Amino acid sequence: MPTQLNSACVAEYLANHSEFFHEHPELLTQIKLSSPRSDQANRAVSLQERQLEVMREKYKTLESHMADLIRIGQENDLMTQKYQRWTRSLLLARHNADCIDVLIHGLQTLFAVPYVTLRLWQTKTEYADTWFTQPVPDETRNFAQDLNTPYCGLAHHTEFMSWLEVSESEVQSTVILPLRIETTSNTFGLLILGSPDPQRYTAEMATDFLSNISETASAALAGFISV
């Protein structure tokens, strides 16, 4: 009795015998397939035509993927330029008081962050009466010390909203960045970013760039700290 073949057996055979259609070229035009294209739904096409359609579909997919990669590359390049400009402005700030304003203004303008503020502790005595050294509860300091990665998510920290001096309804998502001296792992402050867009900062987002912001800000503000 002849062996019963199913589609899986035929597919496996053809995959393992690429020379099959070289040995039987007439099948390329004899085999008729239905086309999935809407404008050819009722027309049968040859195997060669169907193969061309498949290749065109794959090419379109690759072309779309390449366009996405180019777009992402352009966005990353633009972000790198903004980050370089922000870092340069911090380096050019000659006085510590200027540094605070430059840091906040740069984040607001270059990165379109509507709300930015910070708090520092363990600072030098000459900064005791400044707005950014207002008392911070021990609980918040402990939170900052344990914050190993940027916090991103919904704005539900009432204390941090008071630092931003806005209502909770105005800020729907936040980033909380620890400021610390890497050599001692000693946290000396927090940098807060806020947005009215609840999807701007989410728990699922990548935080590599935010970590760079945190490290650069920490380096720029280290001069405020009493060692």
C-alpha atoms as a PDB file:
ATOM      1  CA  MET A   1       0.000   0.000   0.000  1.00  0.00           C
ATOM      2  CA  PRO A   2       1.286   3.508  -0.726  1.00  0.00           C
ATOM      3  CA  THR A   3       2.522   5.474   2.254  1.00  0.00           C
ATOM      4  CA  GLN A   4       0.093   8.120   3.463  1.00  0.00           C
ATOM      5  CA  LEU A   5       1.776  11.538   3.528  1.00  0.00           C
ATOM      6  CA  ASN A   6       0.593  14.531   5.469  1.00  0.00           C
ATOM      7  CA  SER A   7       1.551  18.162   4.926  1.00  0.00           C
ATOM      8  CA  ALA A   8       4.226  18.004   7.628  1.00  0.00           C
ATOM      9  CA  CYS A   9       5.977  15.111   5.869  1.00  0.00           C
ATOM     10  CA  VAL A  10       5.867  16.941   2.536  1.00  0.00           C
ATOM     11  CA  ALA A  11       7.221  20.135   4.106  1.00  0.00           C
ATOM     12  CA  GLU A  12      10.038  18.207   5.813  1.00  0.00           C
ATOM     13  CA  TYR A  13      10.938  16.455   2.568  1.00  0.00           C
ATOM     14  CA  LEU A  14      11.085  19.701   0.583  1.00  0.00           C
ATOM     15  CA  ALA A  15      13.120  21.383   3.332  1.00  0.00           C
ATOM     16  CA  ASN A  16      15.660  18.546   3.221  1.00  0.00           C
ATOM     17  CA  HIS A  17      15.748  18.236  -0.581  1.00  0.00           C
ATOM     18  CA  SER A  18      16.298  21.712  -1.988  1.00  0.00           C
ATOM     19  CA  GLU A  19      17.148  20.211  -5.359  1.00  0.00           C
ATOM     20  CA  PHE A  20      13.573  18.947  -5.842  1.00  0.00           C
ATOM     21  CA  PHE A  21      12.364  21.900  -7.913  1.00  0.00           C
ATOM     22  CA  HIS A  22      15.599  21.906  -9.905  1.00  0.00           C
ATOM     23  CA  GLU A  23      14.820  18.349 -10.913  1.00  0.00           C
ATOM     24  CA  HIS A  24      11.145  19.154 -11.584  1.00  0.00           C
ATOM     25  CA  PRO A  25      11.081  22.756 -12.875  1.00  0.00           C
ATOM     26  CA  GLU A  26       7.756  22.230 -14.617  1.00  0.00           C
ATOM     27  CA  LEU A  27       6.054  22.142 -11.214  1.00  0.00           C
ATOM     28  CA  LEU A  28       6.951  25.766 -10.593  1.00  0.00           C
ATOM     29  CA  THR A  29       4.408  26.843 -13.207  1.00  0.00           C
ATOM     30  CA  GLN A  30       1.966  23.959 -12.861  1.00  0.00           C
ATOM     31  CA  ILE A  31       1.333  24.320  -9.132  1.00  0.00           C
ATOM     32  CA  LYS A  32      -1.308  26.980  -8.527  1.00  0.00           C
ATOM     33  CA  LEU A  33      -1.770  28.733  -5.191  1.00  0.00           C
ATOM     34  CA  SER A  34      -4.344  31.206  -3.956  1.00  0.00           C
ATOM     35  CA  SER A  35      -2.966  34.639  -3.251  1.00  0.00           C
ATOM     36  CA  PRO A  36      -3.594  36.220   0.166  1.00  0.00           C
ATOM     37  CA  ARG A  37      -3.516  39.697  -1.356  1.00  0.00           C
ATOM     38  CA  SER A  38      -6.930  41.331  -1.263  1.00  0.00           C
ATOM     39  CA  ASP A  39      -6.741  42.428  -4.903  1.00  0.00           C
ATOM     40  CA  GLN A  40      -5.910  38.876  -6.000  1.00  0.00           C
ATOM     41  CA  ALA A  41      -8.010  36.888  -3.550  1.00  0.00           C
ATOM     42  CA  ASN A  42      -9.921  35.043  -6.293  1.00  0.00           C
ATOM     43  CA  ARG A  43      -6.930  34.481  -8.583  1.00  0.00           C
ATOM     44  CA  ALA A  44      -4.614  31.481  -8.507  1.00  0.00           C
ATOM     45  CA  VAL A  45      -0.908  32.210  -8.926  1.00  0.00           C
ATOM     46  CA  SER A  46       2.043  30.023  -9.739  1.00  0.00           C
ATOM     47  CA  LEU A  47       4.502  28.891  -7.108  1.00  0.00           C
ATOM     48  CA  GLN A  48       7.061  31.309  -8.512  1.00  0.00           C
ATOM     49  CA  GLU A  49       4.636  34.213  -8.278  1.00  0.00           C
ATOM     50  CA  ARG A  50       3.697  33.253  -4.728  1.00  0.00           C
ATOM     51  CA  GLN A  51       7.378  33.049  -3.826  1.00  0.00           C
ATOM     52  CA  LEU A  52       7.894  36.565  -5.169  1.00  0.00           C
ATOM     53  CA  GLU A  53       4.955  37.793  -3.100  1.00  0.00           C
ATOM     54  CA  VAL A  54       6.464  36.247   0.031  1.00  0.00           C
ATOM     55  CA  MET A  55       9.811  37.874  -0.712  1.00  0.00           C
ATOM     56  CA  ARG A  56       8.141  41.245  -1.253  1.00  0.00           C
ATOM     57  CA  GLU A  57       6.317  40.930   2.073  1.00  0.00           C
ATOM     58  CA  LYS A  58       9.573  40.059   3.838  1.00  0.00           C
ATOM     59  CA  TYR A  59      11.293  43.009   2.162  1.00  0.00           C
ATOM     60  CA  LYS A  60       8.535  45.380   3.294  1.00  0.00           C
ATOM     61  CA  THR A  61       8.849  44.058   6.848  1.00  0.00           C
ATOM     62  CA  LEU A  62      12.630  44.519   6.802  1.00  0.00           C
ATOM     63  CA  GLU A  63      12.220  47.986   5.282  1.00  0.00           C
ATOM     64  CA  SER A  64       9.801  48.963   8.063  1.00  0.00           C
ATOM     65  CA  HIS A  65      12.160  47.544  10.693  1.00  0.00           C
ATOM     66  CA  MET A  66      15.075  49.489   9.199  1.00  0.00           C
ATOM     67  CA  ALA A  67      13.019  52.688   9.243  1.00  0.00           C
ATOM     68  CA  ASP A  68      12.279  52.106  12.933  1.00  0.00           C
ATOM     69  CA  LEU A  69      15.983  51.569  13.670  1.00  0.00           C
ATOM     70  CA  ILE A  70      16.896  54.777  11.836  1.00  0.00           C
ATOM     71  CA  ARG A  71      14.235  56.707  13.751  1.00  0.00           C
ATOM     72  CA  ILE A  72      15.423  55.313  17.096  1.00  0.00           C
ATOM     73  CA  GLY A  73      19.016  56.122  16.166  1.00  0.00           C
ATOM     74  CA  GLN A  74      18.065  59.707  15.318  1.00  0.00           C
ATOM     75  CA  GLU A  75      16.142  60.062  18.596  1.00  0.00           C
ATOM     76  CA  ASN A  76      19.102  58.685  20.572  1.00  0.00           C
ATOM     77  CA  ASP A  77      21.473  61.028  18.759  1.00  0.00           C
ATOM     78  CA  LEU A  78      19.257  64.002  19.605  1.00  0.00           C
ATOM     79  CA  MET A  79      19.054  62.900  23.242  1.00  0.00           C
ATOM     80  CA  THR A  80      22.844  62.560  23.384  1.00  0.00           C
ATOM     81  CA  GLN A  81      23.243  66.094  22.033  1.00  0.00           C
ATOM     82  CA  LYS A  82      20.850  67.458  24.682  1.00  0.00           C
ATOM     83  CA  TYR A  83      22.661  65.568  27.419  1.00  0.00           C
ATOM     84  CA  GLN A  84      26.013  66.946  26.220  1.00  0.00           C
ATOM     85  CA  ARG A  85      24.636  70.512  26.236  1.00  0.00           C
ATOM     86  CA  TRP A  86      23.239  70.048  29.738  1.00  0.00           C
ATOM     87  CA  THR A  87      26.520  68.615  31.034  1.00  0.00           C
ATOM     88  CA  ARG A  88      28.504  71.414  29.402  1.00  0.00           C
ATOM     89  CA  SER A  89      26.276  74.042  31.028  1.00  0.00           C
ATOM     90  CA  LEU A  90      26.943  72.480  34.445  1.00  0.00           C
ATOM     91  CA  LEU A  91      30.683  72.549  33.844  1.00  0.00           C
ATOM     92  CA  LEU A  92      30.486  76.234  32.870  1.00  0.00           C
ATOM     93  CA  ALA A  93      28.548  77.185  36.010  1.00  0.00           C
ATOM     94  CA  ARG A  94      31.262  78.918  38.029  1.00  0.00           C
ATOM     95  CA  HIS A  95      29.398  79.286  41.303  1.00  0.00           C
ATOM     96  CA  ASN A  96      27.518  76.641  43.216  1.00  0.00           C
ATOM     97  CA  ALA A  97      24.396  78.818  43.467  1.00  0.00           C
ATOM     98  CA  ASP A  98      24.409  79.132  39.685  1.00  0.00           C
ATOM     99  CA  CYS A  99      24.822  75.395  39.367  1.00  0.00           C
ATOM    100  CA  ILE A 100      21.456  74.713  41.015  1.00  0.00           C
ATOM    101  CA  ASP A 101      19.630  77.048  38.624  1.00  0.00           C
ATOM    102  CA  VAL A 102      21.502  75.736  35.574  1.00  0.00           C
ATOM    103  CA  LEU A 103      20.790  72.122  36.519  1.00  0.00           C
ATOM    104  CA  ILE A 104      17.055  72.662  36.965  1.00  0.00           C
ATOM    105  CA  HIS A 105      16.627  75.019  34.000  1.00  0.00           C
ATOM    106  CA  GLY A 106      18.489  72.600  31.706  1.00  0.00           C
ATOM    107  CA  LEU A 107      16.249  69.676  32.628  1.00  0.00           C
ATOM    108  CA  GLN A 108      13.140  71.786  32.111  1.00  0.00           C
ATOM    109  CA  THR A 109      14.122  73.267  28.759  1.00  0.00           C
ATOM    110  CA  LEU A 110      16.342  70.682  27.077  1.00  0.00           C
ATOM    111  CA  PHE A 111      14.378  67.615  28.163  1.00  0.00           C
ATOM    112  CA  ALA A 112      10.933  69.234  28.411  1.00  0.00           C
ATOM    113  CA  VAL A 113      10.399  68.277  32.051  1.00  0.00           C
ATOM    114  CA  PRO A 114       7.710  70.640  33.411  1.00  0.00           C
ATOM    115  CA  TYR A 115       8.460  70.200  37.106  1.00  0.00           C
ATOM    116  CA  VAL A 116      11.935  69.824  38.643  1.00  0.00           C
ATOM    117  CA  THR A 117      13.148  70.294  42.196  1.00  0.00           C
ATOM    118  CA  LEU A 118      15.652  68.869  44.649  1.00  0.00           C
ATOM    119  CA  ARG A 119      16.629  68.677  48.290  1.00  0.00           C
ATOM    120  CA  LEU A 120      20.132  68.369  49.731  1.00  0.00           C
ATOM    121  CA  TRP A 121      21.337  67.535  53.232  1.00  0.00           C
ATOM    122  CA  GLN A 122      24.719  67.324  54.941  1.00  0.00           C
ATOM    123  CA  THR A 123      25.530  70.587  53.159  1.00  0.00           C
ATOM    124  CA  LYS A 124      28.075  73.249  54.024  1.00  0.00           C
ATOM    125  CA  THR A 125      26.992  75.869  56.550  1.00  0.00           C
ATOM    126  CA  GLU A 126      26.802  78.683  53.976  1.00  0.00           C
ATOM    127  CA  TYR A 127      23.810  76.951  52.360  1.00  0.00           C
ATOM    128  CA  ALA A 128      21.834  76.492  55.580  1.00  0.00           C
ATOM    129  CA  ASP A 129      19.171  79.082  54.727  1.00  0.00           C
ATOM    130  CA  THR A 130      18.573  78.138  51.087  1.00  0.00           C
ATOM    131  CA  TRP A 131      15.343  76.635  49.745  1.00  0.00           C
ATOM    132  CA  PHE A 132      17.042  73.415  48.613  1.00  0.00           C
ATOM    133  CA  THR A 133      18.411  72.619  52.087  1.00  0.00           C
ATOM    134  CA  GLN A 134      15.087  72.763  53.921  1.00  0.00           C
ATOM    135  CA  PRO A 135      14.769  69.992  56.569  1.00  0.00           C
ATOM    136  CA  VAL A 136      14.111  66.503  55.222  1.00  0.00           C
ATOM    137  CA  PRO A 137      12.622  63.824  57.538  1.00  0.00           C
ATOM    138  CA  ASP A 138      14.786  60.849  58.494  1.00  0.00           C
ATOM    139  CA  GLU A 139      12.248  58.564  56.831  1.00  0.00           C
ATOM    140  CA  THR A 140      12.815  60.313  53.507  1.00  0.00           C
ATOM    141  CA  ARG A 141      16.579  60.199  53.931  1.00  0.00           C
ATOM    142  CA  ASN A 142      16.389  56.461  54.608  1.00  0.00           C
ATOM    143  CA  PHE A 143      14.219  56.050  51.503  1.00  0.00           C
ATOM    144  CA  ALA A 144      16.855  57.903  49.479  1.00  0.00           C
ATOM    145  CA  GLN A 145      19.681  55.799  50.895  1.00  0.00           C
ATOM    146  CA  ASP A 146      17.869  52.582  49.901  1.00  0.00           C
ATOM    147  CA  LEU A 147      16.999  53.864  46.420  1.00  0.00           C
ATOM    148  CA  ASN A 148      19.509  52.005  44.255  1.00  0.00           C
ATOM    149  CA  THR A 149      17.785  52.732  40.943  1.00  0.00           C
ATOM    150  CA  PRO A 150      15.592  55.623  39.771  1.00  0.00           C
ATOM    151  CA  TYR A 151      11.988  55.456  40.907  1.00  0.00           C
ATOM    152  CA  CYS A 152       9.534  55.915  38.044  1.00  0.00           C
ATOM    153  CA  GLY A 153       5.789  55.810  38.439  1.00  0.00           C
ATOM    154  CA  LEU A 154       2.624  57.442  39.645  1.00  0.00           C
ATOM    155  CA  ALA A 155       2.888  60.573  41.719  1.00  0.00           C
ATOM    156  CA  HIS A 156       1.606  59.519  45.123  1.00  0.00           C
ATOM    157  CA  HIS A 157       4.323  60.951  47.375  1.00  0.00           C
ATOM    158  CA  THR A 158       2.670  63.913  49.097  1.00  0.00           C
ATOM    159  CA  GLU A 159       5.961  65.181  50.515  1.00  0.00           C
ATOM    160  CA  PHE A 160       7.622  65.314  47.113  1.00  0.00           C
ATOM    161  CA  MET A 161       4.603  67.094  45.656  1.00  0.00           C
ATOM    162  CA  SER A 162       5.064  69.765  48.326  1.00  0.00           C
ATOM    163  CA  TRP A 163       8.682  70.151  47.197  1.00  0.00           C
ATOM    164  CA  LEU A 164       7.439  70.775  43.640  1.00  0.00           C
ATOM    165  CA  GLU A 165       4.914  73.255  45.052  1.00  0.00           C
ATOM    166  CA  VAL A 166       2.104  71.910  42.878  1.00  0.00           C
ATOM    167  CA  SER A 167      -1.025  69.894  43.559  1.00  0.00           C
ATOM    168  CA  GLU A 168      -1.067  66.135  43.046  1.00  0.00           C
ATOM    169  CA  SER A 169      -3.590  66.596  40.235  1.00  0.00           C
ATOM    170  CA  GLU A 170      -1.008  68.605  38.264  1.00  0.00           C
ATOM    171  CA  VAL A 171       1.682  65.915  38.480  1.00  0.00           C
ATOM    172  CA  GLN A 172       0.604  62.476  37.300  1.00  0.00           C
ATOM    173  CA  SER A 173       3.980  60.728  37.058  1.00  0.00           C
ATOM    174  CA  THR A 174       7.347  61.278  38.690  1.00  0.00           C
ATOM    175  CA  VAL A 175      10.992  60.289  38.681  1.00  0.00           C
ATOM    176  CA  ILE A 176      12.898  60.240  41.969  1.00  0.00           C
ATOM    177  CA  LEU A 177      16.679  60.195  41.577  1.00  0.00           C
ATOM    178  CA  PRO A 178      19.133  59.648  44.437  1.00  0.00           C
ATOM    179  CA  LEU A 179      22.108  61.994  44.665  1.00  0.00           C
ATOM    180  CA  ARG A 180      25.138  60.332  46.125  1.00  0.00           C
ATOM    181  CA  ILE A 181      28.910  60.372  46.286  1.00  0.00           C
ATOM    182  CA  GLU A 182      29.919  57.122  44.606  1.00  0.00           C
ATOM    183  CA  THR A 183      33.171  56.713  46.512  1.00  0.00           C
ATOM    184  CA  THR A 184      31.302  56.485  49.812  1.00  0.00           C
ATOM    185  CA  SER A 185      27.818  55.457  48.588  1.00  0.00           C
ATOM    186  CA  ASN A 186      26.599  58.252  50.841  1.00  0.00           C
ATOM    187  CA  THR A 187      23.293  59.705  49.633  1.00  0.00           C
ATOM    188  CA  PHE A 188      23.113  63.474  50.154  1.00  0.00           C
ATOM    189  CA  GLY A 189      19.929  64.421  48.321  1.00  0.00           C
ATOM    190  CA  LEU A 190      17.065  63.700  45.953  1.00  0.00           C
ATOM    191  CA  LEU A 191      16.265  65.084  42.521  1.00  0.00           C
ATOM    192  CA  ILE A 192      12.556  65.044  41.601  1.00  0.00           C
ATOM    193  CA  LEU A 193      11.129  65.229  38.065  1.00  0.00           C
ATOM    194  CA  GLY A 194       7.393  65.557  37.485  1.00  0.00           C
ATOM    195  CA  SER A 195       5.051  65.415  34.497  1.00  0.00           C
ATOM    196  CA  PRO A 196       1.300  65.904  33.989  1.00  0.00           C
ATOM    197  CA  ASP A 197       1.374  62.906  31.623  1.00  0.00           C
ATOM    198  CA  PRO A 198       0.732  59.630  33.547  1.00  0.00           C
ATOM    199  CA  GLN A 199       2.564  57.695  30.806  1.00  0.00           C
ATOM    200  CA  ARG A 200       5.688  59.890  30.765  1.00  0.00           C
ATOM    201  CA  TYR A 201       7.346  57.992  33.622  1.00  0.00           C
ATOM    202  CA  THR A 202       6.242  54.411  34.237  1.00  0.00           C
ATOM    203  CA  ALA A 203       7.567  51.500  36.282  1.00  0.00           C
ATOM    204  CA  GLU A 204       8.207  49.540  33.053  1.00  0.00           C
ATOM    205  CA  MET A 205      10.431  52.132  31.376  1.00  0.00           C
ATOM    206  CA  ALA A 206      14.199  51.758  30.949  1.00  0.00           C
ATOM    207  CA  THR A 207      16.178  53.826  33.443  1.00  0.00           C
ATOM    208  CA  ASP A 208      19.727  53.835  32.016  1.00  0.00           C
ATOM    209  CA  PHE A 209      19.500  57.436  30.837  1.00  0.00           C
ATOM    210  CA  LEU A 210      17.888  58.543  34.100  1.00  0.00           C
ATOM    211  CA  SER A 211      20.752  56.908  36.002  1.00  0.00           C
ATOM    212  CA  ASN A 212      23.166  59.002  33.931  1.00  0.00           C
ATOM    213  CA  ILE A 213      21.189  62.122  34.863  1.00  0.00           C
ATOM    214  CA  SER A 214      21.438  61.113  38.529  1.00  0.00           C
ATOM    215  CA  GLU A 215      25.200  60.514  38.377  1.00  0.00           C
ATOM    216  CA  THR A 216      25.912  63.766  36.517  1.00  0.00           C
ATOM    217  CA  ALA A 217      23.734  65.803  38.882  1.00  0.00           C
ATOM    218  CA  SER A 218      25.461  64.170  41.853  1.00  0.00           C
ATOM    219  CA  ALA A 219      28.879  65.127  40.509  1.00  0.00           C
ATOM    220  CA  ALA A 220      27.741  68.701  39.825  1.00  0.00           C
ATOM    221  CA  LEU A 221      26.283  69.119  43.332  1.00  0.00           C
ATOM    222  CA  ALA A 222      29.048  67.402  45.291  1.00  0.00           C
ATOM    223  CA  GLY A 223      30.583  70.825  46.037  1.00  0.00           C
ATOM    224  CA  PHE A 224      27.628  71.649  48.277  1.00  0.00           C
ATOM    225  CA  ILE A 225      28.346  68.775  50.630  1.00  0.00           C
ATOM    226  CA  SER A 226      30.339  69.063  53.828  1.00  0.00           C
ATOM    227  CA  VAL A 227      32.851  66.222  53.641  1.00  0.00           C
END
